[in-house]
Protein backbone atom coordinates (compact mmCIF):
# COMPACT_ATOMS: atom_id res chain seq x y z
CA UNK A 1 0.12 28.04 -91.73
CA UNK A 2 2.09 25.45 -89.81
CA UNK A 3 0.06 26.16 -86.65
CA UNK A 4 -3.29 24.48 -87.14
CA UNK A 5 -6.21 23.69 -84.92
CA UNK A 6 -8.93 21.13 -85.40
CA UNK A 7 -12.57 21.53 -84.48
CA UNK A 8 -12.26 18.60 -82.11
CA UNK A 9 -8.66 18.99 -81.02
CA UNK A 10 -8.05 15.43 -82.20
CA UNK A 11 -5.65 14.09 -84.79
CA UNK A 12 -6.81 13.18 -88.26
CA UNK A 13 -6.28 9.44 -87.69
CA UNK A 14 -9.41 7.52 -88.62
CA UNK A 15 -8.06 4.36 -87.02
CA UNK A 16 -8.77 2.26 -90.10
CA UNK A 17 -6.10 3.40 -92.53
CA UNK A 18 -8.74 4.76 -94.92
CA UNK A 19 -9.02 8.08 -96.68
CA UNK A 20 -8.76 11.27 -94.67
CA UNK A 21 -10.70 14.42 -95.58
CA UNK A 22 -10.26 17.94 -94.28
CA UNK A 23 -12.25 21.12 -94.53
CA UNK A 24 -9.80 23.95 -93.82
CA UNK A 25 -10.96 27.52 -93.29
CA UNK A 26 -8.18 30.10 -93.56
CA UNK A 27 -9.13 33.58 -92.38
CA UNK A 28 -7.81 36.45 -94.48
CA UNK A 29 -6.87 39.85 -93.19
CA UNK A 30 -9.74 42.23 -93.99
CA UNK A 31 -9.81 43.03 -97.70
CA UNK A 32 -6.96 40.65 -98.57
CA UNK A 33 -8.86 37.53 -99.62
CA UNK A 34 -8.02 37.89 -103.31
CA UNK A 35 -4.33 38.30 -102.49
CA UNK A 36 -4.53 35.24 -100.25
CA UNK A 37 -6.12 33.24 -103.06
CA UNK A 38 -3.30 34.24 -105.42
CA UNK A 39 -0.64 33.33 -102.84
CA UNK A 40 -2.26 29.94 -102.28
CA UNK A 41 -1.46 28.94 -105.86
CA UNK A 42 1.82 27.71 -104.39
CA UNK A 43 -0.16 25.31 -102.16
CA UNK A 44 -2.01 23.98 -105.19
CA UNK A 45 1.26 23.53 -107.09
CA UNK A 46 2.73 21.61 -104.15
CA UNK A 47 -0.36 19.43 -103.72
CA UNK A 48 -0.22 18.53 -107.42
CA UNK A 49 3.15 16.88 -106.77
CA UNK A 50 1.96 14.82 -103.79
CA UNK A 51 0.95 11.28 -104.69
CA UNK A 52 -1.25 10.82 -101.62
CA UNK A 53 -3.15 14.09 -102.05
CA UNK A 54 -6.23 13.08 -104.01
CA UNK A 55 -8.18 16.37 -103.92
CA UNK A 56 -7.02 19.83 -102.90
CA UNK A 57 -9.61 22.38 -103.91
CA UNK A 58 -9.63 26.05 -102.93
CA UNK A 59 -13.03 27.72 -102.45
CA UNK A 60 -14.34 31.16 -101.62
CA UNK A 61 -17.66 31.83 -99.90
CA UNK A 62 -19.56 34.90 -101.09
CA UNK A 63 -21.03 35.22 -97.58
CA UNK A 64 -17.57 35.26 -95.96
CA UNK A 65 -15.39 37.82 -97.79
CA UNK A 66 -12.50 37.46 -95.36
CA UNK A 67 -11.76 33.75 -95.59
CA UNK A 68 -10.95 30.95 -98.00
CA UNK A 69 -11.71 27.26 -97.65
CA UNK A 70 -9.93 24.16 -98.84
CA UNK A 71 -11.52 20.76 -99.28
CA UNK A 72 -8.74 18.20 -99.05
CA UNK A 73 -8.84 14.45 -99.54
CA UNK A 74 -5.86 12.23 -98.78
CA UNK A 75 -5.27 8.55 -99.52
CA UNK A 76 -4.58 7.90 -95.83
CA UNK A 77 -3.23 9.39 -92.61
CA UNK A 78 0.36 9.08 -93.82
CA UNK A 79 -0.42 11.21 -96.89
CA UNK A 80 -2.10 13.85 -94.72
CA UNK A 81 0.90 13.92 -92.39
CA UNK A 82 3.36 14.13 -95.29
CA UNK A 83 1.46 17.08 -96.74
CA UNK A 84 1.36 19.01 -93.48
CA UNK A 85 4.99 18.44 -92.57
CA UNK A 86 6.58 19.04 -95.97
CA UNK A 87 9.18 21.76 -96.40
CA UNK A 88 7.01 23.36 -99.08
CA UNK A 89 4.05 23.55 -96.69
CA UNK A 90 6.20 25.11 -93.97
CA UNK A 91 7.58 27.71 -96.41
CA UNK A 92 4.08 28.52 -97.60
CA UNK A 93 2.93 29.19 -94.06
CA UNK A 94 5.70 31.74 -93.57
CA UNK A 95 4.84 33.44 -96.87
CA UNK A 96 1.19 33.96 -95.84
CA UNK A 97 1.84 35.83 -92.60
CA UNK A 98 0.95 39.23 -94.12
CA UNK A 99 -2.25 37.91 -95.71
CA UNK A 100 -3.77 35.43 -93.29
CA UNK A 101 -5.90 36.79 -90.50
CA UNK A 102 -5.23 33.93 -88.10
CA UNK A 103 -4.61 30.23 -87.84
CA UNK A 104 -6.32 27.83 -90.22
CA UNK A 105 -9.29 26.06 -88.67
CA UNK A 106 -9.48 22.39 -89.62
CA UNK A 107 -12.51 20.15 -89.51
CA UNK A 108 -11.45 16.54 -89.87
CA UNK A 109 -13.89 14.40 -91.84
CA UNK A 110 -14.24 10.69 -92.48
CA UNK A 111 -15.35 10.01 -96.05
CA UNK A 112 -18.23 7.56 -96.10
CA UNK A 113 -19.76 7.31 -99.57
CA UNK A 114 -19.87 9.34 -102.75
CA UNK A 115 -18.77 9.78 -106.31
CA UNK A 116 -15.01 9.45 -106.68
CA UNK A 117 -14.59 7.33 -103.57
């Protein structure tokens, strides 16, 4: 999971030091989505210990049985960078090699308005 691509190829920097949001789609090997979900509990546990990680929510899509999605919200670019470069995150990536069907696809978002902002 340490190799990631963004939909734009750009960094997550919003230029203003504000919150950073990510929609991450992680493909699963065919038929292994439930195992991938279970293995991603470690990612949730790690995110719970990160001060700058505000939301880190794992989703499944009934129309896409071979992928999982995370919605992630970080206090700022530094928090996003700290999450993605942590030792725990790197170890998690290695542990998912037999379950993930490819690299995570990231869509970087700029939060604008909403409940919880």
